[in-house]
């Protein structure tokens, strides 16, 4: 367990880290799983200050699938741990890459063993936007 939840404010969770984790600097930007019985909330560690990690909530794992957005917040008694490799793949990866069905972007710089991509049908059936300033390569 990474630590204990000491505060929840909007979509931000504050976690008091276990003493042995306070010297680890490379957990920023990693995903965490906050588990309560059948509820699994996913967040990203964005800051560590004085043994307290700030975590932005990004979604939930429902029926073994990742869903963006949080309907239910974790509780103060939630078990908080770094997310498993299996669940990382559900968030940013392509579980079973298939030619002509998936669009492969590359590998994650934070999780190098995870292939990042999207299912083409799912991607183009929703709204999306490409942002950038003039000359940044939006039309490439």
C-alpha atoms as a PDB file:
ATOM      1  CA  UNK A   1       0.000   0.000   0.000  1.00  0.00           C
ATOM      2  CA  UNK A   2       1.329   3.440  -0.937  1.00  0.00           C
ATOM      3  CA  UNK A   3      -0.227   5.282   1.964  1.00  0.00           C
ATOM      4  CA  UNK A   4      -3.448   6.625   3.447  1.00  0.00           C
ATOM      5  CA  UNK A   5      -5.897   9.077   1.921  1.00  0.00           C
ATOM      6  CA  UNK A   6      -5.989  12.211   4.073  1.00  0.00           C
ATOM      7  CA  UNK A   7      -8.093  14.481   1.877  1.00  0.00           C
ATOM      8  CA  UNK A   8     -10.452  14.525  -1.095  1.00  0.00           C
ATOM      9  CA  UNK A   9     -11.263  17.799  -2.816  1.00  0.00           C
ATOM     10  CA  UNK A  10     -13.126  17.794  -6.126  1.00  0.00           C
ATOM     11  CA  UNK A  11     -11.181  15.462  -8.416  1.00  0.00           C
ATOM     12  CA  UNK A  12      -8.036  15.634  -6.298  1.00  0.00           C
ATOM     13  CA  UNK A  13      -6.979  13.136  -3.644  1.00  0.00           C
ATOM     14  CA  UNK A  14      -4.256  13.787  -1.067  1.00  0.00           C
ATOM     15  CA  UNK A  15      -2.311  10.743   0.063  1.00  0.00           C
ATOM     16  CA  UNK A  16       0.099  10.585   3.019  1.00  0.00           C
ATOM     17  CA  UNK A  17       2.870   8.346   1.722  1.00  0.00           C
ATOM     18  CA  UNK A  18       4.311   5.484   3.727  1.00  0.00           C
ATOM     19  CA  UNK A  19       7.661   6.420   5.270  1.00  0.00           C
ATOM     20  CA  UNK A  20       9.687   4.104   3.019  1.00  0.00           C
ATOM     21  CA  UNK A  21       8.304   5.788  -0.122  1.00  0.00           C
ATOM     22  CA  UNK A  22       9.166   9.389   0.706  1.00  0.00           C
ATOM     23  CA  UNK A  23      12.625   9.211  -0.873  1.00  0.00           C
ATOM     24  CA  UNK A  24      11.376   7.743  -4.164  1.00  0.00           C
ATOM     25  CA  UNK A  25      11.177  10.519  -6.732  1.00  0.00           C
ATOM     26  CA  UNK A  26      10.109   8.525  -9.760  1.00  0.00           C
ATOM     27  CA  UNK A  27       6.478   7.857  -8.821  1.00  0.00           C
ATOM     28  CA  UNK A  28       5.312  11.227 -10.170  1.00  0.00           C
ATOM     29  CA  UNK A  29       3.163  10.694 -13.301  1.00  0.00           C
ATOM     30  CA  UNK A  30       2.487   7.071 -12.383  1.00  0.00           C
ATOM     31  CA  UNK A  31      -1.077   5.786 -12.125  1.00  0.00           C
ATOM     32  CA  UNK A  32      -2.555   4.536  -8.873  1.00  0.00           C
ATOM     33  CA  UNK A  33      -5.522   2.331  -8.107  1.00  0.00           C
ATOM     34  CA  UNK A  34      -7.784   3.236  -5.172  1.00  0.00           C
ATOM     35  CA  UNK A  35      -9.833   0.178  -4.314  1.00  0.00           C
ATOM     36  CA  UNK A  36     -12.975  -0.046  -2.175  1.00  0.00           C
ATOM     37  CA  UNK A  37     -14.776  -3.388  -2.323  1.00  0.00           C
ATOM     38  CA  UNK A  38     -16.075  -3.388  -5.931  1.00  0.00           C
ATOM     39  CA  UNK A  39     -15.044   0.200  -6.802  1.00  0.00           C
ATOM     40  CA  UNK A  40     -11.675   0.848  -8.461  1.00  0.00           C
ATOM     41  CA  UNK A  41     -10.841   4.506  -8.996  1.00  0.00           C
ATOM     42  CA  UNK A  42      -7.768   5.430 -11.052  1.00  0.00           C
ATOM     43  CA  UNK A  43      -5.658   8.533 -10.562  1.00  0.00           C
ATOM     44  CA  UNK A  44      -2.315  10.002 -11.603  1.00  0.00           C
ATOM     45  CA  UNK A  45       0.277  11.212  -9.104  1.00  0.00           C
ATOM     46  CA  UNK A  46       1.042  14.787 -10.134  1.00  0.00           C
ATOM     47  CA  UNK A  47       2.993  16.136  -7.169  1.00  0.00           C
ATOM     48  CA  UNK A  48       4.710  15.082  -3.961  1.00  0.00           C
ATOM     49  CA  UNK A  49       5.249  17.627  -1.217  1.00  0.00           C
ATOM     50  CA  UNK A  50       6.224  16.914   2.401  1.00  0.00           C
ATOM     51  CA  UNK A  51       5.267  13.203   2.286  1.00  0.00           C
ATOM     52  CA  UNK A  52       1.895  14.022   0.697  1.00  0.00           C
ATOM     53  CA  UNK A  53       1.129  12.952  -2.864  1.00  0.00           C
ATOM     54  CA  UNK A  54      -1.410  14.903  -4.905  1.00  0.00           C
ATOM     55  CA  UNK A  55      -3.419  12.614  -7.180  1.00  0.00           C
ATOM     56  CA  UNK A  56      -5.750  13.699  -9.990  1.00  0.00           C
ATOM     57  CA  UNK A  57      -8.654  11.314 -10.493  1.00  0.00           C
ATOM     58  CA  UNK A  58      -8.991  10.264 -14.136  1.00  0.00           C
ATOM     59  CA  UNK A  59     -11.429   7.362 -14.279  1.00  0.00           C
ATOM     60  CA  UNK A  60     -12.703   4.055 -13.002  1.00  0.00           C
ATOM     61  CA  UNK A  61     -12.279   0.408 -13.845  1.00  0.00           C
ATOM     62  CA  UNK A  62     -15.774  -0.980 -14.343  1.00  0.00           C
ATOM     63  CA  UNK A  63     -16.434  -4.556 -15.484  1.00  0.00           C
ATOM     64  CA  UNK A  64     -12.722  -4.996 -16.282  1.00  0.00           C
ATOM     65  CA  UNK A  65     -12.740  -1.947 -18.617  1.00  0.00           C
ATOM     66  CA  UNK A  66     -11.360   1.543 -18.022  1.00  0.00           C
ATOM     67  CA  UNK A  67     -13.927   4.351 -18.204  1.00  0.00           C
ATOM     68  CA  UNK A  68     -12.827   8.006 -18.244  1.00  0.00           C
ATOM     69  CA  UNK A  69     -14.463  10.182 -15.610  1.00  0.00           C
ATOM     70  CA  UNK A  70     -15.196   9.489 -11.976  1.00  0.00           C
ATOM     71  CA  UNK A  71     -18.726   8.820 -10.768  1.00  0.00           C
ATOM     72  CA  UNK A  72     -17.746   7.626  -7.287  1.00  0.00           C
ATOM     73  CA  UNK A  73     -14.884   9.069  -5.275  1.00  0.00           C
ATOM     74  CA  UNK A  74     -12.615   6.800  -3.236  1.00  0.00           C
ATOM     75  CA  UNK A  75     -13.126   6.648   0.517  1.00  0.00           C
ATOM     76  CA  UNK A  76     -10.623   7.432   3.248  1.00  0.00           C
ATOM     77  CA  UNK A  77     -10.283   3.684   3.834  1.00  0.00           C
ATOM     78  CA  UNK A  78      -9.453   2.869   0.190  1.00  0.00           C
ATOM     79  CA  UNK A  79      -6.470   0.633  -0.448  1.00  0.00           C
ATOM     80  CA  UNK A  80      -4.093   2.687  -2.615  1.00  0.00           C
ATOM     81  CA  UNK A  81      -1.445   0.990  -4.746  1.00  0.00           C
ATOM     82  CA  UNK A  82       0.445   1.550  -7.971  1.00  0.00           C
ATOM     83  CA  UNK A  83      -1.694   0.303 -10.814  1.00  0.00           C
ATOM     84  CA  UNK A  84      -0.979  -3.140 -12.237  1.00  0.00           C
ATOM     85  CA  UNK A  85       0.516  -3.669 -15.692  1.00  0.00           C
ATOM     86  CA  UNK A  86      -2.728  -5.336 -16.748  1.00  0.00           C
ATOM     87  CA  UNK A  87      -4.772  -2.249 -15.843  1.00  0.00           C
ATOM     88  CA  UNK A  88      -2.268   0.172 -17.442  1.00  0.00           C
ATOM     89  CA  UNK A  89      -2.926  -1.546 -20.740  1.00  0.00           C
ATOM     90  CA  UNK A  90      -6.646  -0.877 -20.304  1.00  0.00           C
ATOM     91  CA  UNK A  91      -6.008   2.856 -19.908  1.00  0.00           C
ATOM     92  CA  UNK A  92      -3.349   3.759 -22.471  1.00  0.00           C
ATOM     93  CA  UNK A  93      -2.625   0.580 -24.358  1.00  0.00           C
ATOM     94  CA  UNK A  94      -3.898  -1.618 -27.098  1.00  0.00           C
ATOM     95  CA  UNK A  95      -4.811  -4.878 -25.337  1.00  0.00           C
ATOM     96  CA  UNK A  96      -4.665  -7.063 -28.457  1.00  0.00           C
ATOM     97  CA  UNK A  97      -3.224  -5.132 -31.388  1.00  0.00           C
ATOM     98  CA  UNK A  98      -4.868  -5.993 -34.713  1.00  0.00           C
ATOM     99  CA  UNK A  99      -3.738  -4.661 -38.100  1.00  0.00           C
ATOM    100  CA  UNK A 100      -6.387  -2.594 -39.898  1.00  0.00           C
ATOM    101  CA  UNK A 101      -8.397  -2.207 -36.663  1.00  0.00           C
ATOM    102  CA  UNK A 102      -6.005  -0.372 -34.340  1.00  0.00           C
ATOM    103  CA  UNK A 103      -3.925   2.778 -34.703  1.00  0.00           C
ATOM    104  CA  UNK A 104      -0.525   2.349 -33.036  1.00  0.00           C
ATOM    105  CA  UNK A 105       1.129   5.546 -31.709  1.00  0.00           C
ATOM    106  CA  UNK A 106       4.261   4.075 -30.104  1.00  0.00           C
ATOM    107  CA  UNK A 107       5.350   3.009 -26.644  1.00  0.00           C
ATOM    108  CA  UNK A 108       4.723   4.887 -23.431  1.00  0.00           C
ATOM    109  CA  UNK A 109       7.722   6.862 -22.133  1.00  0.00           C
ATOM    110  CA  UNK A 110       6.585   6.189 -18.557  1.00  0.00           C
ATOM    111  CA  UNK A 111       5.562   2.548 -19.065  1.00  0.00           C
ATOM    112  CA  UNK A 112       7.941   1.387 -21.858  1.00  0.00           C
ATOM    113  CA  UNK A 113       6.448  -2.107 -22.063  1.00  0.00           C
ATOM    114  CA  UNK A 114       3.007  -0.711 -22.987  1.00  0.00           C
ATOM    115  CA  UNK A 115       2.045  -0.072 -26.621  1.00  0.00           C
ATOM    116  CA  UNK A 116      -0.018   3.109 -26.895  1.00  0.00           C
ATOM    117  CA  UNK A 117      -2.797   3.320 -29.425  1.00  0.00           C
ATOM    118  CA  UNK A 118      -6.509   3.328 -30.069  1.00  0.00           C
ATOM    119  CA  UNK A 119      -9.091   1.231 -31.817  1.00  0.00           C
ATOM    120  CA  UNK A 120      -9.795   3.072 -35.085  1.00  0.00           C
ATOM    121  CA  UNK A 121     -13.569   2.539 -34.975  1.00  0.00           C
ATOM    122  CA  UNK A 122     -13.854   3.689 -31.359  1.00  0.00           C
ATOM    123  CA  UNK A 123     -11.627   6.709 -31.978  1.00  0.00           C
ATOM    124  CA  UNK A 124     -13.418   8.054 -35.045  1.00  0.00           C
ATOM    125  CA  UNK A 125     -16.902   7.391 -33.656  1.00  0.00           C
ATOM    126  CA  UNK A 126     -16.328  10.097 -31.009  1.00  0.00           C
ATOM    127  CA  UNK A 127     -15.426  13.771 -31.112  1.00  0.00           C
ATOM    128  CA  UNK A 128     -11.723  14.606 -30.991  1.00  0.00           C
ATOM    129  CA  UNK A 129      -9.580  17.672 -31.555  1.00  0.00           C
ATOM    130  CA  UNK A 130      -6.014  18.386 -32.576  1.00  0.00           C
ATOM    131  CA  UNK A 131      -4.510  21.435 -30.912  1.00  0.00           C
ATOM    132  CA  UNK A 132      -1.309  23.268 -31.713  1.00  0.00           C
ATOM    133  CA  UNK A 133       0.089  26.606 -32.688  1.00  0.00           C
ATOM    134  CA  UNK A 134       0.934  27.664 -36.236  1.00  0.00           C
ATOM    135  CA  UNK A 135       3.671  25.497 -37.708  1.00  0.00           C
ATOM    136  CA  UNK A 136       3.406  22.720 -35.129  1.00  0.00           C
ATOM    137  CA  UNK A 137       2.478  20.012 -37.657  1.00  0.00           C
ATOM    138  CA  UNK A 138      -1.253  19.617 -37.104  1.00  0.00           C
ATOM    139  CA  UNK A 139      -1.901  18.721 -40.742  1.00  0.00           C
ATOM    140  CA  UNK A 140       0.896  16.161 -41.097  1.00  0.00           C
END
